[in-house]
Amino acid sequence: MARLFTGQPRRTDGRLTKDNLGREAGVIPATVFRAKDVLAEWDAHVAEHGAVTPGEARRDAELRELRRKLADAKAEITELNHRLTAAATVIAALHHDNQLLRTEHHHAGNVTELSPKPRD
């Protein structure tokens, strides 16, 4: 029982089941179910600590953390895509305005500088 509770099984996959308790103890399931004191201790521990092994608890915590990081990364990617779309729209508008200005400059001809003083 102690090996299962500490996450160090020798004969099973480590899940906290009564069948694994019997396998770890090297007895048949019928023997496990006749040991009322052992089952009471088992049930009390599982009720207090849950049926999750330390390894499963670490794995679950790591999965929660990875899922949180993934959600944060997806949110950041979405925000950056929105910014990229907005920037592309602004760039396209500026390019269009630049083309119009170039066309106007080309058709206007040469620019003549005016003197600062009026002529008499």
C-alpha atoms as a PDB file:
ATOM      1  CA  MET A   1       0.000   0.000   0.000  1.00  0.00           C
ATOM      2  CA  ALA A   2       2.792   2.406   0.908  1.00  0.00           C
ATOM      3  CA  ARG A   3       4.515   1.888  -2.470  1.00  0.00           C
ATOM      4  CA  LEU A   4       1.310   2.800  -4.310  1.00  0.00           C
ATOM      5  CA  PHE A   5       0.669   5.847  -2.127  1.00  0.00           C
ATOM      6  CA  THR A   6       4.217   7.145  -2.615  1.00  0.00           C
ATOM      7  CA  GLY A   7       4.165   6.523  -6.368  1.00  0.00           C
ATOM      8  CA  GLN A   8       6.815   3.781  -6.304  1.00  0.00           C
ATOM      9  CA  PRO A   9       5.042   0.611  -7.464  1.00  0.00           C
ATOM     10  CA  ARG A  10       7.032  -2.495  -8.267  1.00  0.00           C
ATOM     11  CA  ARG A  11       4.421  -4.795  -9.803  1.00  0.00           C
ATOM     12  CA  THR A  12       1.762  -2.501 -11.281  1.00  0.00           C
ATOM     13  CA  ASP A  13       1.289   0.680 -13.286  1.00  0.00           C
ATOM     14  CA  GLY A  14       0.838   2.642 -10.051  1.00  0.00           C
ATOM     15  CA  ARG A  15      -2.842   3.508 -10.381  1.00  0.00           C
ATOM     16  CA  LEU A  16      -4.611   3.586  -7.022  1.00  0.00           C
ATOM     17  CA  THR A  17      -6.986   0.669  -7.474  1.00  0.00           C
ATOM     18  CA  LYS A  18      -7.773  -2.214  -5.156  1.00  0.00           C
ATOM     19  CA  ASP A  19      -6.678  -4.662  -7.853  1.00  0.00           C
ATOM     20  CA  ASN A  20      -3.268  -2.973  -7.937  1.00  0.00           C
ATOM     21  CA  LEU A  21      -3.189  -3.095  -4.136  1.00  0.00           C
ATOM     22  CA  GLY A  22      -3.549  -6.876  -4.321  1.00  0.00           C
ATOM     23  CA  ARG A  23      -0.932  -7.206  -7.049  1.00  0.00           C
ATOM     24  CA  GLU A  24       1.550  -5.074  -5.103  1.00  0.00           C
ATOM     25  CA  ALA A  25       0.889  -7.218  -2.022  1.00  0.00           C
ATOM     26  CA  GLY A  26       1.224 -10.400  -4.070  1.00  0.00           C
ATOM     27  CA  VAL A  27      -2.234 -11.698  -3.170  1.00  0.00           C
ATOM     28  CA  ILE A  28      -5.360 -12.563  -5.129  1.00  0.00           C
ATOM     29  CA  PRO A  29      -8.232 -10.036  -5.225  1.00  0.00           C
ATOM     30  CA  ALA A  30     -10.384 -12.162  -2.925  1.00  0.00           C
ATOM     31  CA  THR A  31      -7.750 -11.862  -0.203  1.00  0.00           C
ATOM     32  CA  VAL A  32      -7.706  -8.089  -0.570  1.00  0.00           C
ATOM     33  CA  PHE A  33     -11.468  -7.848  -0.190  1.00  0.00           C
ATOM     34  CA  ARG A  34     -11.411 -10.030   2.950  1.00  0.00           C
ATOM     35  CA  ALA A  35      -8.855  -7.760   4.673  1.00  0.00           C
ATOM     36  CA  LYS A  36     -11.364  -5.278   6.094  1.00  0.00           C
ATOM     37  CA  ASP A  37      -8.793  -3.322   8.142  1.00  0.00           C
ATOM     38  CA  VAL A  38      -6.547  -2.866   5.111  1.00  0.00           C
ATOM     39  CA  LEU A  39      -9.514  -1.812   2.962  1.00  0.00           C
ATOM     40  CA  ALA A  40     -10.656   0.661   5.600  1.00  0.00           C
ATOM     41  CA  GLU A  41      -7.187   2.220   5.696  1.00  0.00           C
ATOM     42  CA  TRP A  42      -7.100   2.234   1.881  1.00  0.00           C
ATOM     43  CA  ASP A  43     -10.528   3.871   1.601  1.00  0.00           C
ATOM     44  CA  ALA A  44      -9.651   6.482   4.239  1.00  0.00           C
ATOM     45  CA  HIS A  45      -6.440   7.426   2.454  1.00  0.00           C
ATOM     46  CA  VAL A  46      -8.120   7.592  -0.956  1.00  0.00           C
ATOM     47  CA  ALA A  47     -10.979   9.664   0.488  1.00  0.00           C
ATOM     48  CA  GLU A  48      -8.528  12.108   2.075  1.00  0.00           C
ATOM     49  CA  HIS A  49      -5.923  12.328  -0.705  1.00  0.00           C
ATOM     50  CA  GLY A  50      -7.852  11.272  -3.787  1.00  0.00           C
ATOM     51  CA  ALA A  51      -7.233   8.383  -6.133  1.00  0.00           C
ATOM     52  CA  VAL A  52      -4.484  10.188  -8.012  1.00  0.00           C
ATOM     53  CA  THR A  53      -0.893   9.047  -7.618  1.00  0.00           C
ATOM     54  CA  PRO A  54       1.872  11.597  -7.060  1.00  0.00           C
ATOM     55  CA  GLY A  55       3.076  10.987 -10.621  1.00  0.00           C
ATOM     56  CA  GLU A  56      -0.420  11.558 -12.007  1.00  0.00           C
ATOM     57  CA  ALA A  57      -0.779  14.705  -9.925  1.00  0.00           C
ATOM     58  CA  ARG A  58       2.522  16.063 -11.321  1.00  0.00           C
ATOM     59  CA  ARG A  59       1.451  15.135 -14.839  1.00  0.00           C
ATOM     60  CA  ASP A  60      -1.938  16.800 -14.391  1.00  0.00           C
ATOM     61  CA  ALA A  61      -0.337  19.952 -12.986  1.00  0.00           C
ATOM     62  CA  GLU A  62       2.100  20.060 -15.897  1.00  0.00           C
ATOM     63  CA  LEU A  63      -0.756  19.594 -18.377  1.00  0.00           C
ATOM     64  CA  ARG A  64      -2.720  22.433 -16.754  1.00  0.00           C
ATOM     65  CA  GLU A  65       0.328  24.702 -16.965  1.00  0.00           C
ATOM     66  CA  LEU A  66       0.986  23.773 -20.595  1.00  0.00           C
ATOM     67  CA  ARG A  67      -2.665  24.360 -21.507  1.00  0.00           C
ATOM     68  CA  ARG A  68      -2.548  27.770 -19.823  1.00  0.00           C
ATOM     69  CA  LYS A  69       0.623  28.677 -21.718  1.00  0.00           C
ATOM     70  CA  LEU A  70      -0.947  27.476 -24.970  1.00  0.00           C
ATOM     71  CA  ALA A  71      -4.064  29.590 -24.379  1.00  0.00           C
ATOM     72  CA  ASP A  72      -1.865  32.629 -23.625  1.00  0.00           C
ATOM     73  CA  ALA A  73       0.176  32.024 -26.784  1.00  0.00           C
ATOM     74  CA  LYS A  74      -2.987  31.677 -28.890  1.00  0.00           C
ATOM     75  CA  ALA A  75      -4.345  34.931 -27.485  1.00  0.00           C
ATOM     76  CA  GLU A  76      -1.057  36.689 -28.248  1.00  0.00           C
ATOM     77  CA  ILE A  77      -1.004  35.276 -31.789  1.00  0.00           C
ATOM     78  CA  THR A  78      -4.570  36.480 -32.361  1.00  0.00           C
ATOM     79  CA  GLU A  79      -3.672  39.972 -31.131  1.00  0.00           C
ATOM     80  CA  LEU A  80      -0.539  40.080 -33.293  1.00  0.00           C
ATOM     81  CA  ASN A  81      -2.521  38.932 -36.345  1.00  0.00           C
ATOM     82  CA  HIS A  82      -4.999  41.770 -35.769  1.00  0.00           C
ATOM     83  CA  ARG A  83      -2.132  44.251 -35.527  1.00  0.00           C
ATOM     84  CA  LEU A  84      -0.533  42.823 -38.665  1.00  0.00           C
ATOM     85  CA  THR A  85      -3.792  43.155 -40.603  1.00  0.00           C
ATOM     86  CA  ALA A  86      -4.199  46.756 -39.421  1.00  0.00           C
ATOM     87  CA  ALA A  87      -0.592  47.565 -40.360  1.00  0.00           C
ATOM     88  CA  ALA A  88      -1.027  46.010 -43.812  1.00  0.00           C
ATOM     89  CA  THR A  89      -4.158  48.112 -44.349  1.00  0.00           C
ATOM     90  CA  VAL A  90      -2.328  51.311 -43.360  1.00  0.00           C
ATOM     91  CA  ILE A  91       0.635  50.421 -45.582  1.00  0.00           C
ATOM     92  CA  ALA A  92      -1.675  49.769 -48.533  1.00  0.00           C
ATOM     93  CA  ALA A  93      -3.427  53.128 -48.002  1.00  0.00           C
ATOM     94  CA  LEU A  94      -0.082  54.959 -47.762  1.00  0.00           C
ATOM     95  CA  HIS A  95       1.164  53.226 -50.904  1.00  0.00           C
ATOM     96  CA  HIS A  96      -1.983  54.296 -52.750  1.00  0.00           C
ATOM     97  CA  ASP A  97      -1.601  57.908 -51.542  1.00  0.00           C
ATOM     98  CA  ASN A  98       2.083  57.870 -52.530  1.00  0.00           C
ATOM     99  CA  GLN A  99       1.191  56.665 -56.021  1.00  0.00           C
ATOM    100  CA  LEU A 100      -1.369  59.468 -56.382  1.00  0.00           C
ATOM    101  CA  LEU A 101       1.157  62.074 -55.244  1.00  0.00           C
ATOM    102  CA  ARG A 102       3.749  60.764 -57.711  1.00  0.00           C
ATOM    103  CA  THR A 103       1.197  60.953 -60.511  1.00  0.00           C
ATOM    104  CA  GLU A 104       0.210  64.510 -59.578  1.00  0.00           C
ATOM    105  CA  HIS A 105       3.855  65.568 -59.398  1.00  0.00           C
ATOM    106  CA  HIS A 106       4.577  64.022 -62.793  1.00  0.00           C
ATOM    107  CA  HIS A 107       1.642  65.849 -64.468  1.00  0.00           C
ATOM    108  CA  ALA A 108       2.275  69.176 -62.738  1.00  0.00           C
ATOM    109  CA  GLY A 109       5.632  69.645 -64.428  1.00  0.00           C
ATOM    110  CA  ASN A 110       8.485  71.662 -63.017  1.00  0.00           C
ATOM    111  CA  VAL A 111       8.115  73.734 -59.914  1.00  0.00           C
ATOM    112  CA  THR A 112       9.243  77.356 -60.198  1.00  0.00           C
ATOM    113  CA  GLU A 113      10.516  79.074 -57.116  1.00  0.00           C
ATOM    114  CA  LEU A 114       8.909  82.445 -56.422  1.00  0.00           C
ATOM    115  CA  SER A 115      10.998  85.296 -55.139  1.00  0.00           C
ATOM    116  CA  PRO A 116      10.180  86.540 -51.657  1.00  0.00           C
ATOM    117  CA  LYS A 117       9.870  90.201 -52.790  1.00  0.00           C
ATOM    118  CA  PRO A 118       7.095  91.432 -55.016  1.00  0.00           C
ATOM    119  CA  ARG A 119       8.186  92.848 -58.357  1.00  0.00           C
ATOM    120  CA  ASP A 120       7.687  96.502 -59.093  1.00  0.00           C
END
